[in-house]
Amino acid sequence: TQALGTSYAGPWVDPAAGTVHVATTTPDKVRGPMASGVTTVAVDRTLADLEGLGARLDAAGLPADVATWYVDVTTNKVVVEAVGASTDAAAGLVAAAGVPADAVTLTTSPDAPSTFADVIGGNAYYINQTSRCSV
């Protein structure tokens, strides 16, 4: 990432091809070790840009029918995931936050995320049946 500086837009691995990709807004400026053994991909937005768009979504306040957002470095977009069959709430959030629609992918999830267990202070938990800890 140091070789790319502020043009860094995130890495990913293609397991089928066994290749490593690194996205950048300035692929022509990549030199040295990054250029050999790693495939650079030209994109429009840096990782910082995408995270900034996500911060704007957070600042606008995620409504109950929007589960989450995350950066998808492979598409160079922010994914906004709505709960249920409609992406209307997600589209409304994107518009309210002033995030460009072309920087976003809207998806749906049948259910909202939930925890599987309560975390209660003082409760013990065991790690590999060899160590005991508590919250």
N, C-alpha and C. Protein backbone atom coordinates (compact mmCIF):
# COMPACT_ATOMS: atom_id res chain seq x y z
N THR A 1 0.81 -1.21 0.00
CA THR A 1 0.00 0.00 0.00
C THR A 1 0.85 1.27 0.00
N GLN A 2 2.05 1.19 0.57
CA GLN A 2 2.90 2.37 0.57
C GLN A 2 3.30 2.78 -0.84
N ALA A 3 3.48 1.79 -1.71
CA ALA A 3 3.86 2.10 -3.09
C ALA A 3 2.77 2.88 -3.81
N LEU A 4 1.52 2.70 -3.39
CA LEU A 4 0.41 3.36 -4.06
C LEU A 4 0.01 4.67 -3.39
N GLY A 5 0.37 4.83 -2.13
CA GLY A 5 0.03 6.07 -1.42
C GLY A 5 -1.46 6.32 -1.41
N THR A 6 -1.83 7.55 -1.72
CA THR A 6 -3.24 7.94 -1.65
C THR A 6 -4.08 7.39 -2.79
N SER A 7 -3.47 6.75 -3.77
CA SER A 7 -4.24 6.17 -4.88
C SER A 7 -4.70 4.75 -4.59
N TYR A 8 -4.32 4.21 -3.44
CA TYR A 8 -4.67 2.84 -3.04
C TYR A 8 -6.18 2.68 -2.94
N ALA A 9 -6.70 1.60 -3.54
CA ALA A 9 -8.14 1.38 -3.54
C ALA A 9 -8.54 -0.02 -3.07
N GLY A 10 -7.60 -0.78 -2.52
CA GLY A 10 -7.93 -2.06 -1.91
C GLY A 10 -7.44 -3.27 -2.68
N PRO A 11 -7.21 -4.39 -1.94
CA PRO A 11 -6.73 -5.63 -2.55
C PRO A 11 -7.81 -6.71 -2.54
N TRP A 12 -7.64 -7.73 -3.37
CA TRP A 12 -8.44 -8.94 -3.26
C TRP A 12 -7.70 -10.08 -3.95
N VAL A 13 -8.11 -11.28 -3.59
CA VAL A 13 -7.51 -12.49 -4.15
C VAL A 13 -8.56 -13.20 -4.98
N ASP A 14 -8.18 -13.65 -6.16
CA ASP A 14 -9.03 -14.49 -6.99
C ASP A 14 -8.57 -15.92 -6.77
N PRO A 15 -9.29 -16.68 -5.90
CA PRO A 15 -8.82 -18.03 -5.57
C PRO A 15 -8.82 -18.97 -6.77
N ALA A 16 -9.75 -18.80 -7.69
CA ALA A 16 -9.81 -19.69 -8.85
C ALA A 16 -8.58 -19.53 -9.73
N ALA A 17 -8.16 -18.29 -9.91
CA ALA A 17 -7.00 -18.01 -10.77
C ALA A 17 -5.69 -18.00 -9.98
N GLY A 18 -5.81 -17.90 -8.65
CA GLY A 18 -4.62 -17.83 -7.82
C GLY A 18 -3.86 -16.52 -7.99
N THR A 19 -4.59 -15.45 -8.23
CA THR A 19 -3.95 -14.15 -8.46
C THR A 19 -4.35 -13.15 -7.38
N VAL A 20 -3.44 -12.21 -7.15
CA VAL A 20 -3.69 -11.11 -6.22
C VAL A 20 -3.88 -9.85 -7.05
N HIS A 21 -4.90 -9.10 -6.72
CA HIS A 21 -5.20 -7.85 -7.42
C HIS A 21 -5.13 -6.70 -6.42
N VAL A 22 -4.65 -5.58 -6.87
CA VAL A 22 -4.66 -4.37 -6.07
C VAL A 22 -5.22 -3.25 -6.94
N ALA A 23 -6.28 -2.62 -6.43
CA ALA A 23 -6.91 -1.53 -7.16
C ALA A 23 -6.22 -0.21 -6.84
N THR A 24 -6.11 0.62 -7.85
CA THR A 24 -5.47 1.93 -7.70
C THR A 24 -6.06 2.90 -8.71
N THR A 25 -6.04 4.16 -8.34
CA THR A 25 -6.51 5.18 -9.28
C THR A 25 -5.40 5.64 -10.22
N THR A 26 -4.15 5.20 -9.96
CA THR A 26 -3.02 5.58 -10.81
C THR A 26 -2.15 4.37 -11.13
N PRO A 27 -2.66 3.42 -11.93
CA PRO A 27 -1.88 2.21 -12.21
C PRO A 27 -0.59 2.48 -12.97
N ASP A 28 -0.54 3.55 -13.72
CA ASP A 28 0.67 3.87 -14.49
C ASP A 28 1.84 4.31 -13.61
N LYS A 29 1.56 4.62 -12.34
CA LYS A 29 2.62 5.07 -11.44
C LYS A 29 3.16 3.96 -10.54
N VAL A 30 2.66 2.74 -10.71
CA VAL A 30 3.12 1.62 -9.88
C VAL A 30 4.48 1.16 -10.38
N ARG A 31 5.42 1.08 -9.44
CA ARG A 31 6.78 0.63 -9.78
C ARG A 31 7.26 -0.32 -8.69
N GLY A 32 8.30 -1.03 -8.97
CA GLY A 32 8.93 -1.87 -7.96
C GLY A 32 8.17 -3.15 -7.71
N PRO A 33 8.26 -3.68 -6.47
CA PRO A 33 7.70 -4.98 -6.16
C PRO A 33 6.21 -5.11 -6.46
N MET A 34 5.47 -4.02 -6.33
CA MET A 34 4.04 -4.09 -6.58
C MET A 34 3.77 -4.46 -8.03
N ALA A 35 4.60 -3.99 -8.94
CA ALA A 35 4.37 -4.23 -10.36
C ALA A 35 4.62 -5.68 -10.76
N SER A 36 5.45 -6.41 -10.01
CA SER A 36 5.70 -7.80 -10.36
C SER A 36 4.98 -8.72 -9.39
N GLY A 37 4.21 -9.65 -9.93
CA GLY A 37 3.51 -10.63 -9.10
C GLY A 37 2.14 -10.20 -8.62
N VAL A 38 1.77 -8.98 -8.85
CA VAL A 38 0.47 -8.47 -8.44
C VAL A 38 -0.17 -7.78 -9.64
N THR A 39 -1.43 -8.09 -9.88
CA THR A 39 -2.15 -7.44 -10.96
C THR A 39 -2.76 -6.15 -10.45
N THR A 40 -2.43 -5.04 -11.08
CA THR A 40 -3.05 -3.77 -10.69
C THR A 40 -4.29 -3.55 -11.54
N VAL A 41 -5.30 -2.98 -10.92
CA VAL A 41 -6.57 -2.72 -11.57
C VAL A 41 -6.88 -1.23 -11.45
N ALA A 42 -7.14 -0.59 -12.57
CA ALA A 42 -7.48 0.83 -12.57
C ALA A 42 -8.92 1.03 -12.14
N VAL A 43 -9.14 1.93 -11.19
CA VAL A 43 -10.48 2.23 -10.69
C VAL A 43 -10.64 3.74 -10.58
N ASP A 44 -11.87 4.17 -10.35
CA ASP A 44 -12.17 5.59 -10.26
C ASP A 44 -12.03 6.17 -8.86
N ARG A 45 -12.28 5.34 -7.82
CA ARG A 45 -12.32 5.84 -6.46
C ARG A 45 -11.28 5.14 -5.58
N THR A 46 -10.62 5.88 -4.71
CA THR A 46 -9.69 5.28 -3.77
C THR A 46 -10.46 4.62 -2.63
N LEU A 47 -9.77 3.80 -1.86
CA LEU A 47 -10.40 3.19 -0.69
C LEU A 47 -10.86 4.27 0.29
N ALA A 48 -10.05 5.30 0.46
CA ALA A 48 -10.44 6.41 1.34
C ALA A 48 -11.71 7.09 0.84
N ASP A 49 -11.83 7.25 -0.48
CA ASP A 49 -13.05 7.83 -1.06
C ASP A 49 -14.27 6.98 -0.70
N LEU A 50 -14.14 5.67 -0.89
CA LEU A 50 -15.26 4.76 -0.62
C LEU A 50 -15.62 4.76 0.86
N GLU A 51 -14.62 4.73 1.72
CA GLU A 51 -14.89 4.77 3.16
C GLU A 51 -15.54 6.10 3.55
N GLY A 52 -15.15 7.17 2.88
CA GLY A 52 -15.77 8.47 3.11
C GLY A 52 -17.24 8.48 2.72
N LEU A 53 -17.57 7.81 1.62
CA LEU A 53 -18.98 7.69 1.23
C LEU A 53 -19.76 6.91 2.27
N GLY A 54 -19.14 5.86 2.80
CA GLY A 54 -19.79 5.09 3.86
C GLY A 54 -20.00 5.92 5.11
N ALA A 55 -19.05 6.77 5.43
CA ALA A 55 -19.20 7.65 6.59
C ALA A 55 -20.36 8.62 6.39
N ARG A 56 -20.58 9.05 5.16
CA ARG A 56 -21.73 9.91 4.88
C ARG A 56 -23.04 9.16 5.09
N LEU A 57 -23.06 7.87 4.73
CA LEU A 57 -24.25 7.06 4.99
C LEU A 57 -24.49 6.95 6.50
N ASP A 58 -23.42 6.69 7.25
CA ASP A 58 -23.54 6.61 8.71
C ASP A 58 -24.07 7.92 9.29
N ALA A 59 -23.53 9.03 8.81
CA ALA A 59 -23.94 10.34 9.32
C ALA A 59 -25.41 10.62 9.02
N ALA A 60 -25.90 10.12 7.90
CA ALA A 60 -27.31 10.31 7.55
C ALA A 60 -28.21 9.45 8.42
N GLY A 61 -27.65 8.39 9.01
CA GLY A 61 -28.43 7.51 9.89
C GLY A 61 -29.09 6.39 9.13
N LEU A 62 -28.64 5.17 9.37
CA LEU A 62 -29.22 4.01 8.69
C LEU A 62 -30.62 3.74 9.25
N PRO A 63 -31.64 3.73 8.40
CA PRO A 63 -32.98 3.39 8.87
C PRO A 63 -33.07 1.91 9.23
N ALA A 64 -34.10 1.54 9.95
CA ALA A 64 -34.25 0.16 10.42
C ALA A 64 -34.28 -0.85 9.28
N ASP A 65 -34.75 -0.45 8.11
CA ASP A 65 -34.83 -1.40 7.01
C ASP A 65 -33.60 -1.36 6.09
N VAL A 66 -32.52 -0.79 6.59
CA VAL A 66 -31.21 -0.90 5.93
C VAL A 66 -30.29 -1.60 6.92
N ALA A 67 -29.83 -2.79 6.54
CA ALA A 67 -29.04 -3.61 7.46
C ALA A 67 -27.63 -3.09 7.64
N THR A 68 -26.97 -2.75 6.54
CA THR A 68 -25.56 -2.37 6.63
C THR A 68 -25.08 -1.78 5.32
N TRP A 69 -23.85 -1.32 5.34
CA TRP A 69 -23.13 -0.94 4.12
C TRP A 69 -21.71 -1.46 4.27
N TYR A 70 -21.06 -1.68 3.14
CA TYR A 70 -19.66 -2.09 3.17
C TYR A 70 -19.01 -1.74 1.84
N VAL A 71 -17.69 -1.66 1.87
CA VAL A 71 -16.92 -1.37 0.66
C VAL A 71 -16.64 -2.68 -0.06
N ASP A 72 -16.95 -2.74 -1.34
CA ASP A 72 -16.61 -3.88 -2.19
C ASP A 72 -15.47 -3.43 -3.10
N VAL A 73 -14.25 -3.80 -2.73
CA VAL A 73 -13.10 -3.33 -3.51
C VAL A 73 -13.07 -3.93 -4.91
N THR A 74 -13.71 -5.09 -5.11
CA THR A 74 -13.68 -5.72 -6.43
C THR A 74 -14.50 -4.95 -7.46
N THR A 75 -15.53 -4.24 -7.00
CA THR A 75 -16.34 -3.43 -7.92
C THR A 75 -16.07 -1.94 -7.78
N ASN A 76 -15.27 -1.57 -6.75
CA ASN A 76 -14.95 -0.18 -6.45
C ASN A 76 -16.22 0.61 -6.15
N LYS A 77 -17.09 -0.03 -5.35
CA LYS A 77 -18.35 0.60 -4.96
C LYS A 77 -18.65 0.33 -3.49
N VAL A 78 -19.58 1.11 -2.96
CA VAL A 78 -20.13 0.86 -1.64
C VAL A 78 -21.41 0.07 -1.84
N VAL A 79 -21.55 -1.02 -1.11
CA VAL A 79 -22.75 -1.84 -1.19
C VAL A 79 -23.64 -1.47 -0.01
N VAL A 80 -24.90 -1.16 -0.29
CA VAL A 80 -25.88 -0.86 0.76
C VAL A 80 -26.91 -1.98 0.74
N GLU A 81 -27.04 -2.66 1.88
CA GLU A 81 -27.89 -3.84 1.96
C GLU A 81 -29.18 -3.52 2.71
N ALA A 82 -30.30 -3.66 2.01
CA ALA A 82 -31.62 -3.42 2.60
C ALA A 82 -32.20 -4.73 3.12
N VAL A 83 -33.05 -4.62 4.13
CA VAL A 83 -33.73 -5.79 4.68
C VAL A 83 -35.05 -5.96 3.94
N GLY A 84 -35.34 -7.18 3.47
CA GLY A 84 -36.58 -7.44 2.76
C GLY A 84 -36.37 -7.45 1.26
N ALA A 85 -37.45 -7.35 0.53
CA ALA A 85 -37.39 -7.49 -0.92
C ALA A 85 -37.14 -6.18 -1.65
N SER A 86 -37.31 -5.05 -0.98
CA SER A 86 -37.22 -3.76 -1.65
C SER A 86 -35.94 -3.01 -1.27
N THR A 87 -35.37 -2.32 -2.24
CA THR A 87 -34.19 -1.49 -1.98
C THR A 87 -34.57 -0.01 -1.84
N ASP A 88 -35.86 0.28 -1.73
CA ASP A 88 -36.31 1.68 -1.66
C ASP A 88 -35.68 2.44 -0.49
N ALA A 89 -35.64 1.82 0.70
CA ALA A 89 -35.06 2.50 1.86
C ALA A 89 -33.58 2.76 1.65
N ALA A 90 -32.89 1.81 1.05
CA ALA A 90 -31.46 1.97 0.78
C ALA A 90 -31.24 3.09 -0.23
N ALA A 91 -32.06 3.14 -1.27
CA ALA A 91 -31.94 4.21 -2.27
C ALA A 91 -32.23 5.56 -1.63
N GLY A 92 -33.20 5.61 -0.73
CA GLY A 92 -33.51 6.85 -0.02
C GLY A 92 -32.35 7.31 0.85
N LEU A 93 -31.71 6.37 1.52
CA LEU A 93 -30.55 6.68 2.35
C LEU A 93 -29.42 7.25 1.50
N VAL A 94 -29.14 6.61 0.37
CA VAL A 94 -28.07 7.06 -0.52
C VAL A 94 -28.35 8.49 -0.98
N ALA A 95 -29.59 8.77 -1.37
CA ALA A 95 -29.95 10.11 -1.82
C ALA A 95 -29.84 11.12 -0.67
N ALA A 96 -30.34 10.76 0.51
CA ALA A 96 -30.30 11.67 1.67
C ALA A 96 -28.87 11.99 2.09
N ALA A 97 -27.98 11.02 1.93
CA ALA A 97 -26.58 11.22 2.32
C ALA A 97 -25.79 11.97 1.25
N GLY A 98 -26.38 12.16 0.08
CA GLY A 98 -25.68 12.84 -1.01
C GLY A 98 -24.58 12.01 -1.63
N VAL A 99 -24.74 10.69 -1.56
CA VAL A 99 -23.76 9.77 -2.14
C VAL A 99 -24.13 9.54 -3.60
N PRO A 100 -23.19 9.67 -4.53
CA PRO A 100 -23.51 9.46 -5.95
C PRO A 100 -24.02 8.04 -6.20
N ALA A 101 -25.12 7.93 -6.90
CA ALA A 101 -25.73 6.62 -7.16
C ALA A 101 -24.80 5.69 -7.92
N ASP A 102 -23.92 6.24 -8.76
CA ASP A 102 -23.03 5.37 -9.53
C ASP A 102 -21.89 4.79 -8.69
N ALA A 103 -21.78 5.22 -7.44
CA ALA A 103 -20.76 4.69 -6.54
C ALA A 103 -21.32 3.63 -5.60
N VAL A 104 -22.58 3.25 -5.84
CA VAL A 104 -23.29 2.36 -4.91
C VAL A 104 -23.93 1.20 -5.64
N THR A 105 -23.92 0.04 -4.98
CA THR A 105 -24.71 -1.11 -5.41
C THR A 105 -25.74 -1.38 -4.32
N LEU A 106 -27.00 -1.48 -4.69
CA LEU A 106 -28.06 -1.78 -3.73
C LEU A 106 -28.38 -3.26 -3.78
N THR A 107 -28.42 -3.90 -2.62
CA THR A 107 -28.77 -5.31 -2.53
C THR A 107 -29.79 -5.50 -1.42
N THR A 108 -30.34 -6.71 -1.36
CA THR A 108 -31.30 -7.03 -0.30
C THR A 108 -30.87 -8.27 0.46
N SER A 109 -31.35 -8.35 1.68
CA SER A 109 -31.14 -9.50 2.55
C SER A 109 -32.49 -9.86 3.14
N PRO A 110 -32.82 -11.15 3.22
CA PRO A 110 -34.14 -11.50 3.74
C PRO A 110 -34.33 -11.14 5.21
N ASP A 111 -33.25 -11.08 5.98
CA ASP A 111 -33.35 -10.81 7.41
C ASP A 111 -32.32 -9.78 7.84
N ALA A 112 -32.64 -9.09 8.92
CA ALA A 112 -31.68 -8.17 9.52
C ALA A 112 -30.66 -8.98 10.32
N PRO A 113 -29.43 -8.53 10.38
CA PRO A 113 -28.43 -9.25 11.18
C PRO A 113 -28.82 -9.25 12.66
N SER A 114 -28.48 -10.31 13.34
CA SER A 114 -28.73 -10.39 14.78
C SER A 114 -27.64 -11.23 15.43
N THR A 115 -27.45 -11.02 16.71
CA THR A 115 -26.45 -11.79 17.44
C THR A 115 -27.02 -13.15 17.80
N PHE A 116 -26.14 -14.12 17.96
CA PHE A 116 -26.56 -15.46 18.34
C PHE A 116 -26.60 -15.64 19.85
N ALA A 117 -25.89 -14.81 20.57
CA ALA A 117 -25.86 -14.94 22.03
C ALA A 117 -25.65 -13.56 22.64
N ASP A 118 -26.16 -13.39 23.85
CA ASP A 118 -25.94 -12.15 24.56
C ASP A 118 -24.54 -12.14 25.16
N VAL A 119 -23.92 -11.00 25.14
CA VAL A 119 -22.63 -10.83 25.80
C VAL A 119 -22.91 -10.07 27.09
N ILE A 120 -22.65 -10.72 28.20
CA ILE A 120 -22.94 -10.14 29.51
C ILE A 120 -21.64 -10.03 30.28
N GLY A 121 -21.35 -8.85 30.77
CA GLY A 121 -20.13 -8.63 31.53
C GLY A 121 -19.99 -9.60 32.69
N GLY A 122 -18.82 -10.19 32.83
CA GLY A 122 -18.55 -11.13 33.92
C GLY A 122 -18.77 -12.58 33.54
N ASN A 123 -19.51 -12.83 32.47
CA ASN A 123 -19.71 -14.22 32.04
C ASN A 123 -18.39 -14.80 31.54
N ALA A 124 -18.14 -16.03 31.94
CA ALA A 124 -16.91 -16.70 31.52
C ALA A 124 -17.08 -17.32 30.14
N TYR A 125 -16.03 -17.31 29.39
CA TYR A 125 -15.99 -18.09 28.15
C TYR A 125 -14.64 -18.76 28.07
N TYR A 126 -14.60 -19.86 27.35
CA TYR A 126 -13.40 -20.69 27.30
C TYR A 126 -12.86 -20.73 25.89
N ILE A 127 -11.55 -20.69 25.79
CA ILE A 127 -10.87 -20.69 24.50
C ILE A 127 -10.17 -22.03 24.34
N ASN A 128 -10.64 -22.82 23.39
CA ASN A 128 -10.06 -24.15 23.11
C ASN A 128 -9.97 -25.02 24.36
N GLN A 129 -10.85 -24.82 25.27
CA GLN A 129 -10.93 -25.58 26.52
C GLN A 129 -9.62 -25.55 27.30
N THR A 130 -8.81 -24.52 27.07
CA THR A 130 -7.54 -24.41 27.79
C THR A 130 -7.41 -23.10 28.55
N SER A 131 -8.13 -22.09 28.14
CA SER A 131 -8.03 -20.78 28.77
C SER A 131 -9.41 -20.27 29.12
N ARG A 132 -9.51 -19.59 30.25
CA ARG A 132 -10.78 -19.01 30.68
C ARG A 132 -10.62 -17.50 30.66
N CYS A 133 -11.64 -16.82 30.18
CA CYS A 133 -11.62 -15.37 30.12
C CYS A 133 -13.02 -14.87 30.42
N SER A 134 -13.17 -13.57 30.58
CA SER A 134 -14.49 -12.98 30.75
C SER A 134 -14.51 -11.62 30.08
N VAL A 135 -15.71 -11.14 29.87
CA VAL A 135 -15.87 -9.85 29.22
C VAL A 135 -15.81 -8.76 30.26
